[in-house]
Amino acid sequence: MFATITTHSTTTQDWLIERVADYTARAPHQVDPTIPLAELGMDSVSAVALCGEIEDRWMLDIDPTLVFEYPTIAAIATYLTAEIAVAA
C-alpha cells in the first residue's frame, strides 16, 4: 500500500510541476518542487486557478488557501495524495 501512495504522490507532483511550469512560463525541469510557489512567480490569480484545476482533476473540494497552507509543490502533492486516498 505504501508503494501505491508514493507512486501516486510522484504522479501528483509531476502533474503539479507541469501546471506550475505553465503558469510561470518555465520549462518543467526549471520548477523545483521544494521552492514556494510565490518564489516561482505564481500570483494569487494563478494560485486560485490551480486550485480549480486540482478540484476538476481529482474531484475534490479544495479551498483556495491551499497554496498558503502548503506553499510548495511537494507539500501540496503530499496533501493531495492523502486527500485522494481518503476519497477513494
C-alpha atoms as a PDB file:
ATOM      1  CA  MET A   1       0.000   0.000   0.000  1.00  0.00           C
ATOM      2  CA  PHE A   2       2.824   2.443   0.803  1.00  0.00           C
ATOM      3  CA  ALA A   3       4.346   1.987  -2.664  1.00  0.00           C
ATOM      4  CA  THR A   4       1.000   2.866  -4.240  1.00  0.00           C
ATOM      5  CA  ILE A   5       0.777   6.094  -2.253  1.00  0.00           C
ATOM      6  CA  THR A   6       4.365   7.043  -3.105  1.00  0.00           C
ATOM      7  CA  THR A   7       3.787   6.403  -6.799  1.00  0.00           C
ATOM      8  CA  HIS A   8       0.562   8.398  -6.715  1.00  0.00           C
ATOM      9  CA  SER A   9       2.347  11.266  -4.951  1.00  0.00           C
ATOM     10  CA  THR A  10       5.033  11.301  -7.624  1.00  0.00           C
ATOM     11  CA  THR A  11       2.368  11.373 -10.315  1.00  0.00           C
ATOM     12  CA  THR A  12       0.549  14.148  -8.481  1.00  0.00           C
ATOM     13  CA  GLN A  13       3.778  16.065  -8.033  1.00  0.00           C
ATOM     14  CA  ASP A  14       4.674  15.664 -11.707  1.00  0.00           C
ATOM     15  CA  TRP A  15       1.254  16.978 -12.707  1.00  0.00           C
ATOM     16  CA  LEU A  16       1.649  19.947 -10.368  1.00  0.00           C
ATOM     17  CA  ILE A  17       5.096  20.691 -11.771  1.00  0.00           C
ATOM     18  CA  GLU A  18       3.649  20.734 -15.293  1.00  0.00           C
ATOM     19  CA  ARG A  19       0.829  23.075 -14.267  1.00  0.00           C
ATOM     20  CA  VAL A  20       3.098  25.452 -12.333  1.00  0.00           C
ATOM     21  CA  ALA A  21       5.527  25.477 -15.266  1.00  0.00           C
ATOM     22  CA  ASP A  22       2.630  26.593 -17.473  1.00  0.00           C
ATOM     23  CA  TYR A  23       1.566  29.339 -15.078  1.00  0.00           C
ATOM     24  CA  THR A  24       5.106  30.640 -14.622  1.00  0.00           C
ATOM     25  CA  ALA A  25       6.228  30.297 -18.259  1.00  0.00           C
ATOM     26  CA  ARG A  26       9.038  27.901 -17.352  1.00  0.00           C
ATOM     27  CA  ALA A  27      10.093  24.519 -18.583  1.00  0.00           C
ATOM     28  CA  PRO A  28       9.060  21.761 -16.141  1.00  0.00           C
ATOM     29  CA  HIS A  29      12.711  20.950 -15.377  1.00  0.00           C
ATOM     30  CA  GLN A  30      13.091  24.544 -14.137  1.00  0.00           C
ATOM     31  CA  VAL A  31      10.406  24.101 -11.477  1.00  0.00           C
ATOM     32  CA  ASP A  32      11.823  22.967  -8.140  1.00  0.00           C
ATOM     33  CA  PRO A  33       9.023  21.336  -6.114  1.00  0.00           C
ATOM     34  CA  THR A  34      10.624  22.463  -2.846  1.00  0.00           C
ATOM     35  CA  ILE A  35      10.588  26.192  -3.634  1.00  0.00           C
ATOM     36  CA  PRO A  36       7.471  28.114  -2.534  1.00  0.00           C
ATOM     37  CA  LEU A  37       5.068  28.855  -5.363  1.00  0.00           C
ATOM     38  CA  ALA A  38       5.309  32.598  -4.696  1.00  0.00           C
ATOM     39  CA  GLU A  39       9.065  32.449  -5.249  1.00  0.00           C
ATOM     40  CA  LEU A  40       8.453  30.632  -8.534  1.00  0.00           C
ATOM     41  CA  GLY A  41       6.310  33.555  -9.680  1.00  0.00           C
ATOM     42  CA  MET A  42       2.787  32.262  -9.001  1.00  0.00           C
ATOM     43  CA  ASP A  43       0.422  35.115  -8.219  1.00  0.00           C
ATOM     44  CA  SER A  44      -2.860  34.799  -6.338  1.00  0.00           C
ATOM     45  CA  VAL A  45      -4.947  34.600  -9.524  1.00  0.00           C
ATOM     46  CA  SER A  46      -2.829  31.714 -10.809  1.00  0.00           C
ATOM     47  CA  ALA A  47      -2.963  30.014  -7.422  1.00  0.00           C
ATOM     48  CA  VAL A  48      -6.771  30.134  -7.379  1.00  0.00           C
ATOM     49  CA  ALA A  49      -6.870  28.819 -10.943  1.00  0.00           C
ATOM     50  CA  LEU A  50      -4.537  25.966  -9.951  1.00  0.00           C
ATOM     51  CA  CYS A  51      -6.869  25.067  -7.085  1.00  0.00           C
ATOM     52  CA  GLY A  52      -9.743  24.929  -9.570  1.00  0.00           C
ATOM     53  CA  GLU A  53      -7.747  22.608 -11.800  1.00  0.00           C
ATOM     54  CA  ILE A  54      -6.977  20.374  -8.822  1.00  0.00           C
ATOM     55  CA  GLU A  55     -10.685  20.211  -7.989  1.00  0.00           C
ATOM     56  CA  ASP A  56     -11.553  19.290 -11.561  1.00  0.00           C
ATOM     57  CA  ARG A  57      -8.824  16.684 -11.923  1.00  0.00           C
ATOM     58  CA  TRP A  58      -9.383  14.824  -8.654  1.00  0.00           C
ATOM     59  CA  MET A  59     -12.998  15.766  -7.878  1.00  0.00           C
ATOM     60  CA  LEU A  60     -12.002  17.265  -4.533  1.00  0.00           C
ATOM     61  CA  ASP A  61     -13.309  20.350  -2.782  1.00  0.00           C
ATOM     62  CA  ILE A  62     -10.181  22.488  -2.430  1.00  0.00           C
ATOM     63  CA  ASP A  63     -10.031  25.754  -0.518  1.00  0.00           C
ATOM     64  CA  PRO A  64      -8.087  28.425  -2.428  1.00  0.00           C
ATOM     65  CA  THR A  65      -5.964  28.938   0.692  1.00  0.00           C
ATOM     66  CA  LEU A  66      -4.363  25.564  -0.052  1.00  0.00           C
ATOM     67  CA  VAL A  67      -1.353  27.256  -1.639  1.00  0.00           C
ATOM     68  CA  PHE A  68      -0.776  29.308   1.507  1.00  0.00           C
ATOM     69  CA  GLU A  69      -1.154  26.364   3.866  1.00  0.00           C
ATOM     70  CA  TYR A  70       1.025  24.160   1.637  1.00  0.00           C
ATOM     71  CA  PRO A  71       3.321  26.639  -0.137  1.00  0.00           C
ATOM     72  CA  THR A  72       5.386  24.193  -2.204  1.00  0.00           C
ATOM     73  CA  ILE A  73       4.537  21.683  -4.892  1.00  0.00           C
ATOM     74  CA  ALA A  74       5.992  18.914  -2.727  1.00  0.00           C
ATOM     75  CA  ALA A  75       3.749  19.892   0.206  1.00  0.00           C
ATOM     76  CA  ILE A  76       0.663  20.165  -1.999  1.00  0.00           C
ATOM     77  CA  ALA A  77       1.393  16.770  -3.573  1.00  0.00           C
ATOM     78  CA  THR A  78       1.696  15.142  -0.154  1.00  0.00           C
ATOM     79  CA  TYR A  79      -1.558  16.743   0.995  1.00  0.00           C
ATOM     80  CA  LEU A  80      -3.390  15.746  -2.192  1.00  0.00           C
ATOM     81  CA  THR A  81      -2.152  12.168  -2.011  1.00  0.00           C
ATOM     82  CA  ALA A  82      -3.670  11.854   1.461  1.00  0.00           C
ATOM     83  CA  GLU A  83      -6.936  13.505   0.360  1.00  0.00           C
ATOM     84  CA  ILE A  84      -7.205  11.290  -2.711  1.00  0.00           C
ATOM     85  CA  ALA A  85      -6.660   8.191  -0.564  1.00  0.00           C
ATOM     86  CA  VAL A  86      -9.408   9.281   1.838  1.00  0.00           C
ATOM     87  CA  ALA A  87     -11.801   9.990  -1.050  1.00  0.00           C
ATOM     88  CA  ALA A  88     -11.146   6.565  -2.591  1.00  0.00           C
END
